[in-house]
Amino acid sequence: MEISLSNIRITGQNKNYWLNKLQDFADSQDPEKYSQIEFGKQDIRGGISITWFDHRHCVPKQEFFKPKDMMLGFIQGWLK
């Protein structure tokens, strides 16, 4: 499944680790329901979101997180 990062940066020594985790999370989703997942900043207040897109590019599901670390923790917990 395709992923995209929108207005969010994954940096540091563990950049590749987190990019692989994001891809693993996307690959664990139902490919018949979703075609793309976007990870990124929601608005100027700094909220982070995970947005699922279906095959018509509509948004059937979205999760919001305040800091980026909470989103990364959610993904890590999902994959365990």
PDB file of N, CA and C in Angstrom:
ATOM      1  N   MET A   1       0.838  -1.164   0.000  1.00  0.00           N
ATOM      2  CA  MET A   1       0.000   0.000   0.000  1.00  0.00           C
ATOM      3  C   MET A   1       0.889   1.234   0.000  1.00  0.00           C
ATOM      4  N   GLU A   2       0.443   2.247  -0.655  1.00  0.00           N
ATOM      5  CA  GLU A   2       1.213   3.483  -0.787  1.00  0.00           C
ATOM      6  C   GLU A   2       1.084   4.334   0.471  1.00  0.00           C
ATOM      7  N   ILE A   3       2.207   4.905   0.917  1.00  0.00           N
ATOM      8  CA  ILE A   3       2.174   5.842   2.037  1.00  0.00           C
ATOM      9  C   ILE A   3       2.711   7.177   1.561  1.00  0.00           C
ATOM     10  N   SER A   4       2.335   8.239   2.265  1.00  0.00           N
ATOM     11  CA  SER A   4       2.915   9.549   1.985  1.00  0.00           C
ATOM     12  C   SER A   4       3.056  10.309   3.300  1.00  0.00           C
ATOM     13  N   LEU A   5       4.066  11.147   3.360  1.00  0.00           N
ATOM     14  CA  LEU A   5       4.299  12.022   4.502  1.00  0.00           C
ATOM     15  C   LEU A   5       3.942  13.430   4.066  1.00  0.00           C
ATOM     16  N   SER A   6       3.103  14.086   4.839  1.00  0.00           N
ATOM     17  CA  SER A   6       2.651  15.422   4.481  1.00  0.00           C
ATOM     18  C   SER A   6       2.957  16.379   5.630  1.00  0.00           C
ATOM     19  N   ASN A   7       3.868  17.286   5.396  1.00  0.00           N
ATOM     20  CA  ASN A   7       4.242  18.293   6.397  1.00  0.00           C
ATOM     21  C   ASN A   7       4.732  17.679   7.701  1.00  0.00           C
ATOM     22  N   ILE A   8       5.373  16.550   7.610  1.00  0.00           N
ATOM     23  CA  ILE A   8       5.947  15.896   8.787  1.00  0.00           C
ATOM     24  C   ILE A   8       7.320  15.367   8.381  1.00  0.00           C
ATOM     25  N   ARG A   9       8.270  15.490   9.285  1.00  0.00           N
ATOM     26  CA  ARG A   9       9.605  15.001   8.992  1.00  0.00           C
ATOM     27  C   ARG A   9       9.977  13.906   9.966  1.00  0.00           C
ATOM     28  N   ILE A  10      10.552  12.859   9.432  1.00  0.00           N
ATOM     29  CA  ILE A  10      11.123  11.792  10.242  1.00  0.00           C
ATOM     30  C   ILE A  10      12.634  11.927  10.075  1.00  0.00           C
ATOM     31  N   THR A  11      13.327  12.297  11.154  1.00  0.00           N
ATOM     32  CA  THR A  11      14.759  12.564  11.065  1.00  0.00           C
ATOM     33  C   THR A  11      15.509  11.785  12.135  1.00  0.00           C
ATOM     34  N   GLY A  12      16.799  11.887  12.088  1.00  0.00           N
ATOM     35  CA  GLY A  12      17.649  11.277  13.110  1.00  0.00           C
ATOM     36  C   GLY A  12      18.226   9.946  12.668  1.00  0.00           C
ATOM     37  N   GLN A  13      18.916   9.318  13.597  1.00  0.00           N
ATOM     38  CA  GLN A  13      19.574   8.056  13.299  1.00  0.00           C
ATOM     39  C   GLN A  13      18.586   6.932  13.049  1.00  0.00           C
ATOM     40  N   ASN A  14      17.383   7.035  13.612  1.00  0.00           N
ATOM     41  CA  ASN A  14      16.402   5.970  13.445  1.00  0.00           C
ATOM     42  C   ASN A  14      15.363   6.279  12.358  1.00  0.00           C
ATOM     43  N   LYS A  15      15.711   7.151  11.433  1.00  0.00           N
ATOM     44  CA  LYS A  15      14.804   7.550  10.351  1.00  0.00           C
ATOM     45  C   LYS A  15      14.341   6.335   9.536  1.00  0.00           C
ATOM     46  N   ASN A  16      15.269   5.507   9.111  1.00  0.00           N
ATOM     47  CA  ASN A  16      14.905   4.342   8.296  1.00  0.00           C
ATOM     48  C   ASN A  16      14.048   3.352   9.078  1.00  0.00           C
ATOM     49  N   TYR A  17      14.321   3.211  10.381  1.00  0.00           N
ATOM     50  CA  TYR A  17      13.508   2.337  11.231  1.00  0.00           C
ATOM     51  C   TYR A  17      12.052   2.792  11.215  1.00  0.00           C
ATOM     52  N   TRP A  18      11.807   4.098  11.422  1.00  0.00           N
ATOM     53  CA  TRP A  18      10.435   4.593  11.466  1.00  0.00           C
ATOM     54  C   TRP A  18       9.772   4.576  10.103  1.00  0.00           C
ATOM     55  N   LEU A  19      10.514   4.863   9.051  1.00  0.00           N
ATOM     56  CA  LEU A  19       9.927   4.776   7.710  1.00  0.00           C
ATOM     57  C   LEU A  19       9.501   3.341   7.397  1.00  0.00           C
ATOM     58  N   ASN A  20      10.311   2.369   7.822  1.00  0.00           N
ATOM     59  CA  ASN A  20       9.925   0.963   7.636  1.00  0.00           C
ATOM     60  C   ASN A  20       8.703   0.616   8.473  1.00  0.00           C
ATOM     61  N   LYS A  21       8.614   1.147   9.705  1.00  0.00           N
ATOM     62  CA  LYS A  21       7.446   0.906  10.551  1.00  0.00           C
ATOM     63  C   LYS A  21       6.184   1.504   9.929  1.00  0.00           C
ATOM     64  N   LEU A  22       6.306   2.707   9.357  1.00  0.00           N
ATOM     65  CA  LEU A  22       5.150   3.316   8.692  1.00  0.00           C
ATOM     66  C   LEU A  22       4.689   2.450   7.518  1.00  0.00           C
ATOM     67  N   GLN A  23       5.639   1.936   6.754  1.00  0.00           N
ATOM     68  CA  GLN A  23       5.286   1.071   5.620  1.00  0.00           C
ATOM     69  C   GLN A  23       4.683  -0.241   6.114  1.00  0.00           C
ATOM     70  N   ASP A  24       5.238  -0.819   7.168  1.00  0.00           N
ATOM     71  CA  ASP A  24       4.673  -2.049   7.740  1.00  0.00           C
ATOM     72  C   ASP A  24       3.239  -1.825   8.218  1.00  0.00           C
ATOM     73  N   PHE A  25       2.995  -0.668   8.845  1.00  0.00           N
ATOM     74  CA  PHE A  25       1.647  -0.333   9.302  1.00  0.00           C
ATOM     75  C   PHE A  25       0.691  -0.246   8.112  1.00  0.00           C
ATOM     76  N   ALA A  26       1.124   0.426   7.057  1.00  0.00           N
ATOM     77  CA  ALA A  26       0.272   0.547   5.866  1.00  0.00           C
ATOM     78  C   ALA A  26       0.017  -0.816   5.239  1.00  0.00           C
ATOM     79  N   ASP A  27       1.030  -1.653   5.198  1.00  0.00           N
ATOM     80  CA  ASP A  27       0.871  -2.985   4.603  1.00  0.00           C
ATOM     81  C   ASP A  27      -0.033  -3.892   5.438  1.00  0.00           C
ATOM     82  N   SER A  28      -0.194  -3.579   6.728  1.00  0.00           N
ATOM     83  CA  SER A  28      -1.052  -4.396   7.579  1.00  0.00           C
ATOM     84  C   SER A  28      -2.533  -4.038   7.439  1.00  0.00           C
ATOM     85  N   GLN A  29      -2.836  -2.972   6.717  1.00  0.00           N
ATOM     86  CA  GLN A  29      -4.221  -2.547   6.531  1.00  0.00           C
ATOM     87  C   GLN A  29      -4.868  -3.329   5.382  1.00  0.00           C
ATOM     88  N   ASP A  30      -6.189  -3.350   5.368  1.00  0.00           N
ATOM     89  CA  ASP A  30      -6.946  -4.088   4.359  1.00  0.00           C
ATOM     90  C   ASP A  30      -6.822  -3.408   2.993  1.00  0.00           C
ATOM     91  N   PRO A  31      -6.149  -4.041   2.016  1.00  0.00           N
ATOM     92  CA  PRO A  31      -5.957  -3.405   0.708  1.00  0.00           C
ATOM     93  C   PRO A  31      -7.244  -3.282  -0.105  1.00  0.00           C
ATOM     94  N   GLU A  32      -8.271  -4.024   0.261  1.00  0.00           N
ATOM     95  CA  GLU A  32      -9.541  -3.897  -0.452  1.00  0.00           C
ATOM     96  C   GLU A  32     -10.319  -2.679   0.028  1.00  0.00           C
ATOM     97  N   LYS A  33     -10.050  -2.218   1.249  1.00  0.00           N
ATOM     98  CA  LYS A  33     -10.727  -1.036   1.783  1.00  0.00           C
ATOM     99  C   LYS A  33      -9.960   0.249   1.531  1.00  0.00           C
ATOM    100  N   TYR A  34      -8.619   0.172   1.600  1.00  0.00           N
ATOM    101  CA  TYR A  34      -7.796   1.379   1.542  1.00  0.00           C
ATOM    102  C   TYR A  34      -6.738   1.261   0.447  1.00  0.00           C
ATOM    103  N   SER A  35      -6.494   2.381  -0.226  1.00  0.00           N
ATOM    104  CA  SER A  35      -5.477   2.389  -1.275  1.00  0.00           C
ATOM    105  C   SER A  35      -4.238   3.172  -0.870  1.00  0.00           C
ATOM    106  N   GLN A  36      -4.368   4.087   0.094  1.00  0.00           N
ATOM    107  CA  GLN A  36      -3.252   4.935   0.493  1.00  0.00           C
ATOM    108  C   GLN A  36      -3.437   5.373   1.931  1.00  0.00           C
ATOM    109  N   ILE A  37      -2.323   5.571   2.620  1.00  0.00           N
ATOM    110  CA  ILE A  37      -2.333   6.132   3.968  1.00  0.00           C
ATOM    111  C   ILE A  37      -1.381   7.321   3.985  1.00  0.00           C
ATOM    112  N   GLU A  38      -1.862   8.413   4.581  1.00  0.00           N
ATOM    113  CA  GLU A  38      -1.050   9.621   4.679  1.00  0.00           C
ATOM    114  C   GLU A  38      -0.783   9.913   6.147  1.00  0.00           C
ATOM    115  N   PHE A  39       0.465  10.174   6.447  1.00  0.00           N
ATOM    116  CA  PHE A  39       0.890  10.550   7.790  1.00  0.00           C
ATOM    117  C   PHE A  39       1.282  12.007   7.718  1.00  0.00           C
ATOM    118  N   GLY A  40       0.726  12.844   8.583  1.00  0.00           N
ATOM    119  CA  GLY A  40       1.140  14.231   8.480  1.00  0.00           C
ATOM    120  C   GLY A  40       0.491  15.182   9.435  1.00  0.00           C
ATOM    121  N   LYS A  41       0.934  16.404   9.318  1.00  0.00           N
ATOM    122  CA  LYS A  41       0.452  17.489  10.141  1.00  0.00           C
ATOM    123  C   LYS A  41      -0.962  17.851   9.710  1.00  0.00           C
ATOM    124  N   GLN A  42      -1.833  18.034  10.673  1.00  0.00           N
ATOM    125  CA  GLN A  42      -3.228  18.299  10.376  1.00  0.00           C
ATOM    126  C   GLN A  42      -3.503  19.781  10.154  1.00  0.00           C
ATOM    127  N   ASP A  43      -3.001  20.644  11.022  1.00  0.00           N
ATOM    128  CA  ASP A  43      -3.298  22.060  10.919  1.00  0.00           C
ATOM    129  C   ASP A  43      -2.198  22.882  11.583  1.00  0.00           C
ATOM    130  N   ILE A  44      -2.416  24.190  11.685  1.00  0.00           N
ATOM    131  CA  ILE A  44      -1.380  25.072  12.222  1.00  0.00           C
ATOM    132  C   ILE A  44      -1.161  24.882  13.716  1.00  0.00           C
ATOM    133  N   ARG A  45      -2.085  24.209  14.412  1.00  0.00           N
ATOM    134  CA  ARG A  45      -1.904  23.942  15.835  1.00  0.00           C
ATOM    135  C   ARG A  45      -0.902  22.822  16.077  1.00  0.00           C
ATOM    136  N   GLY A  46      -0.503  22.117  15.032  1.00  0.00           N
ATOM    137  CA  GLY A  46       0.519  21.093  15.171  1.00  0.00           C
ATOM    138  C   GLY A  46       0.012  19.696  15.372  1.00  0.00           C
ATOM    139  N   GLY A  47      -1.287  19.470  15.246  1.00  0.00           N
ATOM    140  CA  GLY A  47      -1.814  18.118  15.378  1.00  0.00           C
ATOM    141  C   GLY A  47      -1.331  17.217  14.255  1.00  0.00           C
ATOM    142  N   ILE A  48      -1.113  15.962  14.583  1.00  0.00           N
ATOM    143  CA  ILE A  48      -0.639  14.970  13.619  1.00  0.00           C
ATOM    144  C   ILE A  48      -1.782  13.996  13.360  1.00  0.00           C
ATOM    145  N   SER A  49      -1.889  13.529  12.128  1.00  0.00           N
ATOM    146  CA  SER A  49      -2.967  12.591  11.827  1.00  0.00           C
ATOM    147  C   SER A  49      -2.478  11.448  10.946  1.00  0.00           C
ATOM    148  N   ILE A  50      -3.224  10.357  11.038  1.00  0.00           N
ATOM    149  CA  ILE A  50      -3.094   9.252  10.099  1.00  0.00           C
ATOM    150  C   ILE A  50      -4.401   9.254   9.323  1.00  0.00           C
ATOM    151  N   THR A  51      -4.304   9.364   8.013  1.00  0.00           N
ATOM    152  CA  THR A  51      -5.495   9.440   7.168  1.00  0.00           C
ATOM    153  C   THR A  51      -5.499   8.276   6.200  1.00  0.00           C
ATOM    154  N   TRP A  52      -6.586   7.521   6.213  1.00  0.00           N
ATOM    155  CA  TRP A  52      -6.759   6.407   5.288  1.00  0.00           C
ATOM    156  C   TRP A  52      -7.582   6.896   4.104  1.00  0.00           C
ATOM    157  N   PHE A  53      -7.160   6.561   2.885  1.00  0.00           N
ATOM    158  CA  PHE A  53      -7.895   6.903   1.675  1.00  0.00           C
ATOM    159  C   PHE A  53      -8.387   5.621   1.018  1.00  0.00           C
ATOM    160  N   ASP A  54      -9.631   5.654   0.558  1.00  0.00           N
ATOM    161  CA  ASP A  54     -10.131   4.488  -0.166  1.00  0.00           C
ATOM    162  C   ASP A  54      -9.801   4.622  -1.649  1.00  0.00           C
ATOM    163  N   HIS A  55     -10.300   3.714  -2.453  1.00  0.00           N
ATOM    164  CA  HIS A  55      -9.953   3.686  -3.877  1.00  0.00           C
ATOM    165  C   HIS A  55     -10.569   4.842  -4.664  1.00  0.00           C
ATOM    166  N   ARG A  56     -11.554   5.517  -4.088  1.00  0.00           N
ATOM    167  CA  ARG A  56     -12.135   6.716  -4.716  1.00  0.00           C
ATOM    168  C   ARG A  56     -11.482   7.984  -4.193  1.00  0.00           C
ATOM    169  N   HIS A  57     -10.445   7.845  -3.385  1.00  0.00           N
ATOM    170  CA  HIS A  57      -9.681   8.915  -2.735  1.00  0.00           C
ATOM    171  C   HIS A  57     -10.542   9.709  -1.747  1.00  0.00           C
ATOM    172  N   CYS A  58     -11.510   9.027  -1.135  1.00  0.00           N
ATOM    173  CA  CYS A  58     -12.297   9.592  -0.037  1.00  0.00           C
ATOM    174  C   CYS A  58     -11.630   9.203   1.276  1.00  0.00           C
ATOM    175  N   VAL A  59     -11.974   9.891   2.343  1.00  0.00           N
ATOM    176  CA  VAL A  59     -11.366   9.641   3.654  1.00  0.00           C
ATOM    177  C   VAL A  59     -12.388   8.942   4.561  1.00  0.00           C
ATOM    178  N   PRO A  60     -12.347   7.609   4.625  1.00  0.00           N
ATOM    179  CA  PRO A  60     -13.280   6.913   5.490  1.00  0.00           C
ATOM    180  C   PRO A  60     -12.835   6.850   6.953  1.00  0.00           C
ATOM    181  N   LYS A  61     -11.551   7.109   7.221  1.00  0.00           N
ATOM    182  CA  LYS A  61     -11.044   6.968   8.585  1.00  0.00           C
ATOM    183  C   LYS A  61      -9.883   7.925   8.792  1.00  0.00           C
ATOM    184  N   GLN A  62      -9.824   8.514   9.999  1.00  0.00           N
ATOM    185  CA  GLN A  62      -8.725   9.412  10.335  1.00  0.00           C
ATOM    186  C   GLN A  62      -8.520   9.376  11.842  1.00  0.00           C
ATOM    187  N   GLU A  63      -7.264   9.303  12.264  1.00  0.00           N
ATOM    188  CA  GLU A  63      -6.889   9.319  13.687  1.00  0.00           C
ATOM    189  C   GLU A  63      -6.035  10.556  13.942  1.00  0.00           C
ATOM    190  N   PHE A  64      -6.294  11.253  15.054  1.00  0.00           N
ATOM    191  CA  PHE A  64      -5.556  12.460  15.405  1.00  0.00           C
ATOM    192  C   PHE A  64      -4.687  12.230  16.631  1.00  0.00           C
ATOM    193  N   PHE A  65      -3.520  12.842  16.624  1.00  0.00           N
ATOM    194  CA  PHE A  65      -2.572  12.766  17.742  1.00  0.00           C
ATOM    195  C   PHE A  65      -2.001  14.155  17.956  1.00  0.00           C
ATOM    196  N   LYS A  66      -1.716  14.503  19.181  1.00  0.00           N
ATOM    197  CA  LYS A  66      -1.148  15.821  19.445  1.00  0.00           C
ATOM    198  C   LYS A  66       0.343  15.853  19.079  1.00  0.00           C
ATOM    199  N   PRO A  67       1.208  15.110  19.748  1.00  0.00           N
ATOM    200  CA  PRO A  67       2.603  15.110  19.285  1.00  0.00           C
ATOM    201  C   PRO A  67       2.883  13.927  18.347  1.00  0.00           C
ATOM    202  N   LYS A  68       3.911  14.077  17.576  1.00  0.00           N
ATOM    203  CA  LYS A  68       4.321  13.028  16.634  1.00  0.00           C
ATOM    204  C   LYS A  68       4.684  11.738  17.361  1.00  0.00           C
ATOM    205  N   ASP A  69       5.251  11.853  18.546  1.00  0.00           N
ATOM    206  CA  ASP A  69       5.649  10.665  19.303  1.00  0.00           C
ATOM    207  C   ASP A  69       4.454   9.782  19.654  1.00  0.00           C
ATOM    208  N   MET A  70       3.292  10.388  19.899  1.00  0.00           N
ATOM    209  CA  MET A  70       2.094   9.588  20.186  1.00  0.00           C
ATOM    210  C   MET A  70       1.667   8.793  18.950  1.00  0.00           C
ATOM    211  N   MET A  71       1.784   9.402  17.776  1.00  0.00           N
ATOM    212  CA  MET A  71       1.446   8.690  16.545  1.00  0.00           C
ATOM    213  C   MET A  71       2.400   7.519  16.330  1.00  0.00           C
ATOM    214  N   LEU A  72       3.686   7.751  16.544  1.00  0.00           N
ATOM    215  CA  LEU A  72       4.668   6.686  16.363  1.00  0.00           C
ATOM    216  C   LEU A  72       4.459   5.574  17.385  1.00  0.00           C
ATOM    217  N   GLY A  73       4.082   5.929  18.608  1.00  0.00           N
ATOM    218  CA  GLY A  73       3.770   4.926  19.619  1.00  0.00           C
ATOM    219  C   GLY A  73       2.537   4.109  19.257  1.00  0.00           C
ATOM    220  N   PHE A  74       1.529   4.758  18.698  1.00  0.00           N
ATOM    221  CA  PHE A  74       0.320   4.070  18.238  1.00  0.00           C
ATOM    222  C   PHE A  74       0.675   3.039  17.159  1.00  0.00           C
ATOM    223  N   ILE A  75       1.517   3.445  16.218  1.00  0.00           N
ATOM    224  CA  ILE A  75       1.917   2.546  15.134  1.00  0.00           C
ATOM    225  C   ILE A  75       2.726   1.379  15.677  1.00  0.00           C
ATOM    226  N   GLN A  76       3.636   1.667  16.591  1.00  0.00           N
ATOM    227  CA  GLN A  76       4.448   0.610  17.162  1.00  0.00           C
ATOM    228  C   GLN A  76       3.592  -0.373  17.948  1.00  0.00           C
ATOM    229  N   GLY A  77       2.611   0.117  18.700  1.00  0.00           N
ATOM    230  CA  GLY A  77       1.715  -0.754  19.430  1.00  0.00           C
ATOM    231  C   GLY A  77       0.823  -1.578  18.511  1.00  0.00           C
ATOM    232  N   TRP A  78       0.400  -1.007  17.404  1.00  0.00           N
ATOM    233  CA  TRP A  78      -0.444  -1.700  16.433  1.00  0.00           C
ATOM    234  C   TRP A  78       0.292  -2.901  15.828  1.00  0.00           C
ATOM    235  N   LEU A  79       1.583  -2.723  15.598  1.00  0.00           N
ATOM    236  CA  LEU A  79       2.361  -3.760  14.933  1.00  0.00           C
ATOM    237  C   LEU A  79       2.778  -4.901  15.854  1.00  0.00           C
ATOM    238  N   LYS A  80       2.630  -4.747  17.170  1.00  0.00           N
ATOM    239  CA  LYS A  80       3.040  -5.807  18.096  1.00  0.00           C
ATOM    240  C   LYS A  80       2.028  -6.905  18.174  1.00  0.00           C
TER     241      LYS A  80
END
